[in-house]
Protein backbone atom coordinates (compact mmCIF):
# COMPACT_ATOMS: atom_id res chain seq x y z
CA MET A 1 28.88 10.60 -7.61
CA SER A 2 25.25 9.58 -8.10
CA GLU A 3 24.72 6.96 -10.85
CA THR A 4 22.57 8.13 -14.01
CA VAL A 5 19.22 6.38 -14.29
CA LEU A 6 18.00 8.31 -17.40
CA THR A 7 19.56 10.33 -20.10
CA LEU A 8 18.44 11.76 -23.37
CA LYS A 9 20.82 13.41 -25.81
CA ASN A 10 19.70 15.59 -28.80
CA ALA A 11 16.63 13.60 -28.99
CA ASN A 12 13.59 14.41 -31.24
CA ILE A 13 10.18 13.10 -30.22
CA TYR A 14 7.54 12.33 -32.64
CA GLN A 15 4.06 11.54 -32.32
CA GLN A 16 3.28 9.66 -35.62
CA GLU A 17 5.00 11.79 -38.14
CA THR A 18 4.46 15.15 -36.14
CA LEU A 19 7.69 16.42 -34.25
CA VAL A 20 6.40 17.12 -30.81
CA LEU A 21 9.76 17.99 -28.76
CA SER A 22 13.10 18.70 -30.58
CA ASP A 23 16.77 18.50 -29.23
CA VAL A 24 15.77 17.00 -25.87
CA ASN A 25 18.67 16.73 -23.43
CA LEU A 26 18.15 15.22 -19.84
CA ASP A 27 20.30 13.56 -17.21
CA ILE A 28 18.34 12.25 -14.34
CA LYS A 29 20.20 10.73 -11.43
CA LYS A 30 19.26 7.92 -8.81
CA GLY A 31 17.24 9.36 -6.22
CA ASP A 32 16.09 12.50 -8.01
CA PHE A 33 12.52 13.53 -7.56
CA LEU A 34 11.35 15.79 -10.40
CA TYR A 35 8.26 17.10 -11.89
CA LEU A 36 7.31 17.19 -15.52
CA ILE A 37 4.98 20.07 -16.41
CA GLY A 38 3.46 21.77 -19.56
CA GLN A 39 0.21 22.55 -21.10
CA THR A 40 -2.08 19.80 -22.75
CA GLY A 41 -0.45 18.98 -25.94
CA SER A 42 3.03 20.37 -24.82
CA GLY A 43 4.57 16.66 -25.31
CA LYS A 44 4.66 15.50 -21.80
CA SER A 45 2.90 12.16 -22.32
CA SER A 46 4.91 11.75 -25.53
CA LEU A 47 8.25 12.19 -23.61
CA LEU A 48 6.75 9.58 -20.90
CA LYS A 49 6.01 7.07 -23.80
CA ILE A 50 9.61 7.35 -25.10
CA LEU A 51 10.78 6.56 -21.73
CA TYR A 52 8.68 3.30 -21.22
CA GLY A 53 9.11 2.22 -25.04
CA ASP A 54 5.45 3.01 -26.18
CA LEU A 55 6.97 5.32 -28.72
CA GLU A 56 10.19 4.88 -30.85
CA LEU A 57 13.11 6.97 -30.37
CA LYS A 58 13.87 7.64 -33.93
CA HIS A 59 16.49 10.74 -33.73
CA GLY A 60 18.98 11.14 -31.05
CA SER A 61 19.94 8.76 -28.30
CA GLY A 62 18.95 8.02 -24.71
CA THR A 63 19.24 5.37 -21.89
CA ILE A 64 17.05 4.36 -19.26
CA ALA A 65 17.82 1.91 -16.49
CA ASP A 66 20.73 0.48 -18.83
CA PHE A 67 18.57 0.09 -21.88
CA LYS A 68 19.28 2.13 -24.92
CA LEU A 69 16.27 3.73 -26.14
CA GLU A 70 17.25 4.24 -29.70
CA THR A 71 17.94 0.47 -30.33
CA LEU A 72 15.21 -0.79 -28.01
CA THR A 73 13.45 -3.89 -29.52
CA LEU A 74 10.07 -5.60 -28.80
CA LYS A 75 11.69 -8.59 -27.12
CA GLN A 76 13.58 -5.96 -24.45
CA LEU A 77 10.27 -4.22 -23.69
CA PRO A 78 9.13 -6.54 -20.83
CA TYR A 79 12.71 -6.53 -19.40
CA LEU A 80 12.87 -2.67 -19.43
CA ARG A 81 9.41 -2.37 -18.02
CA ARG A 82 10.55 -4.50 -14.92
CA LYS A 83 13.00 -1.88 -14.20
CA LEU A 84 10.45 0.86 -14.24
CA GLY A 85 7.47 1.64 -12.27
CA ILE A 86 4.56 3.06 -14.12
CA VAL A 87 1.72 5.03 -12.32
CA PHE A 88 -1.26 6.04 -14.16
CA GLN A 89 -4.14 8.37 -13.08
CA ASP A 90 -6.65 5.50 -14.09
CA PHE A 91 -5.66 2.88 -11.66
CA GLN A 92 -5.89 -0.07 -14.09
CA LEU A 93 -6.44 -2.62 -11.24
CA LEU A 94 -8.00 -6.01 -12.16
CA ASN A 95 -11.41 -5.43 -10.69
CA ASP A 96 -12.08 -9.33 -10.19
CA ARG A 97 -9.08 -9.78 -7.90
CA THR A 98 -8.24 -8.69 -4.51
CA VAL A 99 -5.18 -6.34 -3.78
CA GLU A 100 -2.88 -9.32 -2.98
CA GLU A 101 -4.17 -11.00 -6.18
CA ASN A 102 -3.39 -7.90 -8.30
CA LEU A 103 0.14 -7.72 -6.91
CA THR A 104 0.63 -11.52 -7.10
CA PHE A 105 -0.37 -11.36 -10.71
CA VAL A 106 2.30 -8.75 -11.59
CA LEU A 107 4.88 -10.69 -9.77
CA ARG A 108 4.24 -13.96 -11.36
CA ALA A 109 4.11 -12.15 -14.77
CA THR A 110 7.59 -10.91 -14.26
CA GLY A 111 9.08 -14.25 -13.38
CA TRP A 112 8.65 -14.58 -9.65
CA LYS A 113 8.05 -18.37 -8.59
CA ASP A 114 8.66 -18.61 -4.93
CA LYS A 115 5.37 -18.18 -2.96
CA THR A 116 7.02 -17.16 0.30
CA LYS A 117 9.10 -14.44 -1.57
CA ILE A 118 6.13 -13.30 -3.40
CA LYS A 119 4.20 -12.95 -0.05
CA ASP A 120 7.11 -11.24 1.50
CA ARG A 121 7.36 -8.58 -1.22
CA ILE A 122 3.85 -8.09 -1.19
CA GLU A 123 3.78 -7.37 2.56
CA GLU A 124 6.76 -5.13 2.04
CA VAL A 125 5.35 -2.77 -0.60
CA LEU A 126 1.86 -2.73 1.09
CA SER A 127 3.58 -1.55 4.21
CA LEU A 128 5.42 1.13 2.34
CA VAL A 129 2.09 2.40 1.03
CA LYS A 130 0.32 2.13 4.40
CA LEU A 131 -2.17 -0.66 3.22
CA HIS A 132 -0.80 -3.69 4.98
CA THR A 133 -4.31 -4.18 6.31
CA LYS A 134 -6.18 -3.96 3.11
CA HIS A 135 -4.68 -6.92 1.33
CA PHE A 136 -7.85 -9.10 1.22
CA LYS A 137 -9.93 -6.10 -0.08
CA MET A 138 -11.28 -5.78 -3.71
CA PRO A 139 -10.51 -2.59 -5.66
CA HIS A 140 -14.08 -1.40 -5.60
CA GLU A 141 -14.09 -1.64 -1.77
CA LEU A 142 -11.39 0.85 -1.62
CA SER A 143 -11.52 4.66 -1.96
CA GLY A 144 -9.76 6.44 -4.81
CA GLY A 145 -6.73 7.21 -2.62
CA GLU A 146 -6.40 3.71 -1.44
CA GLN A 147 -6.77 2.38 -5.14
CA GLN A 148 -3.95 4.79 -6.15
CA ARG A 149 -1.84 3.42 -3.19
CA VAL A 150 -2.28 -0.06 -4.46
CA VAL A 151 -1.03 1.16 -8.06
CA ILE A 152 2.05 2.83 -6.35
CA ALA A 153 2.78 -0.57 -4.49
CA ARG A 154 2.33 -2.31 -7.68
CA ALA A 155 4.92 0.08 -9.47
CA LEU A 156 7.29 -0.68 -6.53
CA LEU A 157 7.22 -4.55 -6.86
CA ASN A 158 10.20 -5.25 -8.89
CA HIS A 159 12.64 -2.56 -7.07
CA PRO A 160 12.26 -0.27 -10.07
CA GLU A 161 15.11 2.22 -10.81
CA ILE A 162 12.74 4.97 -11.65
CA ILE A 163 8.88 5.55 -11.34
CA LEU A 164 7.18 7.35 -14.09
CA ALA A 165 3.93 8.67 -12.86
CA ASP A 166 1.51 10.36 -15.37
CA GLU A 167 -0.90 12.62 -13.49
CA PRO A 168 -0.89 10.39 -10.51
CA THR A 169 -3.42 12.68 -8.54
CA GLY A 170 -5.48 13.61 -11.64
CA ASN A 171 -8.66 11.71 -10.41
CA LEU A 172 -8.24 12.59 -6.58
CA ASP A 173 -9.81 15.45 -4.55
CA PRO A 174 -7.19 17.98 -3.06
CA SER A 175 -6.60 16.53 0.37
CA THR A 176 -6.12 12.91 -1.00
CA SER A 177 -3.78 14.27 -3.75
CA ASP A 178 -1.69 15.90 -0.78
CA ASP A 179 -1.56 12.42 1.00
CA ILE A 180 -0.44 10.70 -2.17
CA MET A 181 2.12 13.22 -2.73
CA LYS A 182 3.50 13.06 0.63
CA LEU A 183 3.76 9.12 0.27
CA LEU A 184 5.67 9.61 -2.90
CA VAL A 185 8.27 12.00 -1.28
CA ASP A 186 8.42 9.70 1.73
CA ILE A 187 9.10 6.61 -0.64
CA ASN A 188 11.64 8.60 -2.59
CA LYS A 189 13.52 9.42 0.51
CA ALA A 190 13.29 6.03 2.17
CA THR A 191 14.24 3.89 -0.87
CA GLN A 192 16.25 6.42 -3.18
CA THR A 193 13.97 5.36 -6.00
CA THR A 194 13.80 8.19 -8.78
CA PHE A 195 10.71 9.66 -9.37
CA LEU A 196 9.61 11.59 -12.58
CA ILE A 197 5.87 12.98 -12.00
CA ALA A 198 3.99 14.62 -14.81
CA THR A 199 1.33 16.93 -13.41
CA HIS A 200 -0.87 19.88 -14.25
CA ASP A 201 -1.52 20.52 -10.44
CA TYR A 202 0.60 23.43 -9.59
CA ALA A 203 -0.62 23.55 -5.83
CA ILE A 204 1.07 20.24 -5.29
CA ILE A 205 4.43 21.69 -6.79
CA GLU A 206 4.04 24.61 -4.33
CA LYS A 207 3.31 22.25 -1.39
CA PHE A 208 6.12 19.63 -2.36
CA PRO A 209 8.74 21.57 -4.14
CA ALA A 210 11.13 19.84 -6.30
CA SER A 211 13.16 20.23 -9.56
CA ILE A 212 10.99 20.97 -12.55
CA ILE A 213 11.41 19.85 -16.32
CA LYS A 214 9.01 21.92 -18.30
CA CYS A 215 7.82 21.10 -21.98
CA VAL A 216 7.24 24.38 -23.76
CA GLN A 217 6.92 25.34 -27.43
CA GLY A 218 8.60 21.99 -28.46
CA LYS A 219 11.53 22.27 -26.28
CA VAL A 220 12.41 20.73 -22.92
CA ILE A 221 13.69 23.14 -20.27
CA MET A 222 15.10 22.24 -16.82
CA GLU A 223 14.00 24.94 -14.19
């Protein structure tokens, strides 16, 4: 039986005082690959924010990567986020540092000290995203697709149990979007890392079919 990476039970999700999603029940296992879809304002981003601790879970219960969401403290947040990989559509890379320096910065910030281990892990993740020859490049020297590959490499650094991707192809052209999605599918198969991908792009879902979680009219439905 696969181990559970994420559960929500009878969760009500609020954006400030407004109830966005009610009675949410989810059960996501290790190795799952899922899409999170819904119209703008349907609660997709709020759901993701609950999962990485940006919003408080005030009603109901939930667990992600062995952390209880309803009792999550500020002190626990950095430790939770080490067990999650987060990929945004706006790359949020440090523009004054090379690819390797961007990744080194994250590892050092999350407690890695051994230079050899840091170098080895960076080589591993850059190989996974097929950028091992670009470690010395600055972000502005890379295409949008390559920058997103660096972001995916960064998300993989700490062997996360789940990767939460919010519109990971939102800023990319269709051909590059396909390349990025193929990469995510390949990484999911190779590493058994769980992926939850919020997207508006139905063409991608048709090309790379997987289970769907839908936010609609204040509810979350598994399709």
